[in-house]
Amino acid sequence: MEGVLLKKPAISFGDQFYNILSMVKRCGEIERLPYVIKEQLENFTYNEDELLDFLAAILEDSATIDLQYLWEHEPDETRKKEALEPLADLTARKLGLLKL
């Protein structure tokens, strides 16, 4: 993902959420790696609009919470529940349980 953000050719070796981007090529078989590298070096086309749409979609479906702080440091159960409300609301909207 970092390579794509830096406008560099990217190759992934597993199932990644960003494999959907046309700029990322997945190499599922190590024997194919030289060919995938060659293809990326010779035919890579950076698509900023595609990347911006992808990042905007991620942000639209995100909730801002500090899980590490809540799990490790917040002793107050009421505050924990309040802090988790944005995530619960997002999940409920995605499941069709809550309307905007």
Protein backbone atom coordinates (compact mmCIF):
# COMPACT_ATOMS: atom_id res chain seq x y z
CA MET A 1 0.00 0.00 0.00
CA GLU A 2 2.87 2.34 0.79
CA GLY A 3 4.24 1.90 -2.71
CA VAL A 4 0.96 2.94 -4.29
CA LEU A 5 0.75 5.99 -2.00
CA LEU A 6 4.24 6.94 -3.19
CA LYS A 7 3.25 6.45 -6.86
CA LYS A 8 5.44 3.35 -7.21
CA PRO A 9 4.63 0.03 -8.86
CA ALA A 10 3.26 -2.37 -6.26
CA ILE A 11 3.18 -6.14 -6.03
CA SER A 12 1.36 -8.02 -3.30
CA PHE A 13 1.86 -11.62 -2.30
CA GLY A 14 -1.44 -12.32 -0.61
CA ASP A 15 -5.03 -11.22 -0.29
CA GLN A 16 -4.85 -7.53 0.59
CA PHE A 17 -7.67 -4.99 0.75
CA TYR A 18 -5.82 -2.80 -1.76
CA ASN A 19 -5.44 -5.53 -4.42
CA ILE A 20 -8.56 -4.06 -6.00
CA LEU A 21 -6.47 -1.14 -7.29
CA SER A 22 -5.36 -1.50 -10.90
CA MET A 23 -1.90 -0.27 -9.87
CA VAL A 24 -1.34 -3.34 -7.67
CA LYS A 25 -0.43 -6.68 -9.19
CA ARG A 26 -0.79 -9.82 -7.10
CA CYS A 27 1.82 -12.54 -7.40
CA GLY A 28 0.31 -15.79 -6.19
CA GLU A 29 3.15 -18.03 -7.34
CA ILE A 30 6.76 -17.21 -6.58
CA GLU A 31 7.83 -18.66 -9.94
CA ARG A 32 5.87 -15.85 -11.65
CA LEU A 33 7.57 -13.07 -9.67
CA PRO A 34 10.15 -12.12 -12.35
CA TYR A 35 7.34 -11.72 -14.91
CA VAL A 36 5.17 -9.69 -12.55
CA ILE A 37 8.12 -7.41 -11.74
CA LYS A 38 8.87 -6.97 -15.44
CA GLU A 39 5.23 -6.17 -16.17
CA GLN A 40 5.06 -3.61 -13.38
CA LEU A 41 8.31 -1.94 -14.42
CA GLU A 42 7.33 -1.74 -18.08
CA ASN A 43 3.57 -1.14 -17.90
CA PHE A 44 2.89 0.60 -14.59
CA THR A 45 0.38 3.43 -14.84
CA TYR A 46 -0.33 5.51 -11.76
CA ASN A 47 -4.00 6.50 -11.47
CA GLU A 48 -4.45 9.25 -8.88
CA ASP A 49 -8.23 9.50 -9.39
CA GLU A 50 -8.62 5.78 -8.69
CA LEU A 51 -6.49 6.07 -5.56
CA LEU A 52 -8.40 9.12 -4.29
CA ASP A 53 -11.74 7.37 -4.85
CA PHE A 54 -10.42 4.30 -3.00
CA LEU A 55 -9.17 6.35 -0.04
CA ALA A 56 -12.39 8.38 0.09
CA ALA A 57 -14.42 5.16 0.24
CA ILE A 58 -12.27 3.88 3.10
CA LEU A 59 -12.70 7.12 5.04
CA GLU A 60 -16.44 7.14 4.42
CA ASP A 61 -16.72 3.68 5.94
CA SER A 62 -14.50 4.43 8.94
CA ALA A 63 -15.08 5.40 12.54
CA THR A 64 -12.59 7.39 14.59
CA ILE A 65 -11.87 5.67 17.89
CA ASP A 66 -8.76 4.92 19.91
CA LEU A 67 -9.19 1.21 20.58
CA GLN A 68 -5.77 0.77 22.13
CA TYR A 69 -6.46 3.48 24.71
CA LEU A 70 -9.93 2.09 25.45
CA TRP A 71 -8.68 -1.47 25.90
CA GLU A 72 -5.53 -0.69 27.85
CA HIS A 73 -6.15 2.53 29.77
CA GLU A 74 -9.79 3.59 30.08
CA PRO A 75 -11.14 2.26 33.40
CA ASP A 76 -14.61 3.83 33.15
CA GLU A 77 -17.06 1.44 31.45
CA THR A 78 -19.49 4.26 30.61
CA ARG A 79 -16.76 6.20 28.80
CA LYS A 80 -15.73 3.04 26.95
CA LYS A 81 -19.29 2.53 25.70
CA GLU A 82 -19.61 6.18 24.68
CA ALA A 83 -16.29 6.06 22.82
CA LEU A 84 -17.38 2.93 20.93
CA GLU A 85 -20.67 4.47 19.74
CA PRO A 86 -19.26 5.70 16.38
CA LEU A 87 -18.10 2.15 15.56
CA ALA A 88 -21.40 0.64 16.70
CA ASP A 89 -23.36 3.19 14.63
CA LEU A 90 -21.24 2.51 11.53
CA THR A 91 -21.72 -1.24 11.94
CA ALA A 92 -25.48 -0.82 12.42
CA ARG A 93 -25.72 1.36 9.28
CA LYS A 94 -23.79 -1.20 7.24
CA LEU A 95 -26.13 -3.95 8.46
CA GLY A 96 -29.18 -1.83 7.64
CA LEU A 97 -30.21 -1.58 11.28
CA LEU A 98 -29.79 2.20 11.51
CA LYS A 99 -30.80 4.83 8.97
CA LEU A 100 -28.92 8.10 8.47
